[in-house]
Amino acid sequence: MTARTTSVAVAVLLLALPGCGSGDDDADTAVPATTPASALDACPEQPAAAATGAALLPALAFDCPGGGSLDLGRAPGQPTVLNLWGSWCPPCREELPLIQEFADGAAGQVRVMGLISKDGRPQAESFAADAGVTFPNAFDAEGQLMTELGLNALPYTYFLDADGALVHTEVGPVSSAEELRALVAEYLGVQL
C-alpha cells in the first residue's frame, strides 16, 4: 500500500467513525446536550409587585446561572444588597469573598445578590468557585446594566429596600464584611 492509498483509507475510516453507534437512529433516544449545573445558588422568587421609590435601578431582567432570574423592575420583597462584579475586575477578586462572608451572616435578614457583568460564564463560574461564592448571581454578559448606568469600572454595590428603592450606591470595593454590615445598618436599617 502506498502512502497516498494509506492516507485515503484513513480519511475514509475517520469519516465513517461518527456514524458508528448502537444502530438506533431514533431521535427520541438521543441524549440532549445540557449545560453543566452552576455552583451558584438559584435566584430567589420575587414578589409580583413593581419596584417603587424615589430612585430605582433600570427595570432590566437577567437569567441566573443557578436557576431563576433577577428582575430589577420588581420589588425584591426584603432589603437587598446587589453587588456588580466580573472576573476581569481586580478589586472584585478581593471584595467577592467579603461579600460571601457578609451573605453567610445575613441569611434571612438581608438578601445578597450578585450581578456578573461583562463576563463569560465559564470565567465567572471559575472565579466564583475560587472565591467560595455561593450566593445567588444573575448574569449580564453584555454589561447592559453597566451601560444603562454609565459605568465603566467595577465593583459597585447597590442597597435596595424591600420595595426596590435604591437607597445607597457604594462605589468601589468594601474592605471588610464589618464595613458592609455598617452600611446595611445605616442605609437599610438592619442590624446584623
Foldseek 3Di string as FASTA:
>chain_A
DDPVVVVVVVVVVVVCVVVDDPPDPDPVPDDDDDDDAALAAADDDADPAFFDDPAFQPQDKFAWSNGDIDGSRFFRQAKEKEKEDELVAVLCLQFVLQLQVLCVVCPPHYAYEYEHALYDPVSRRVSCVVSVHHGTYTYHNHRPSCVVVVHDHDIKMFIAGRRRHTQDIDGTGDNHNVVVQVVCCVRHVDHD
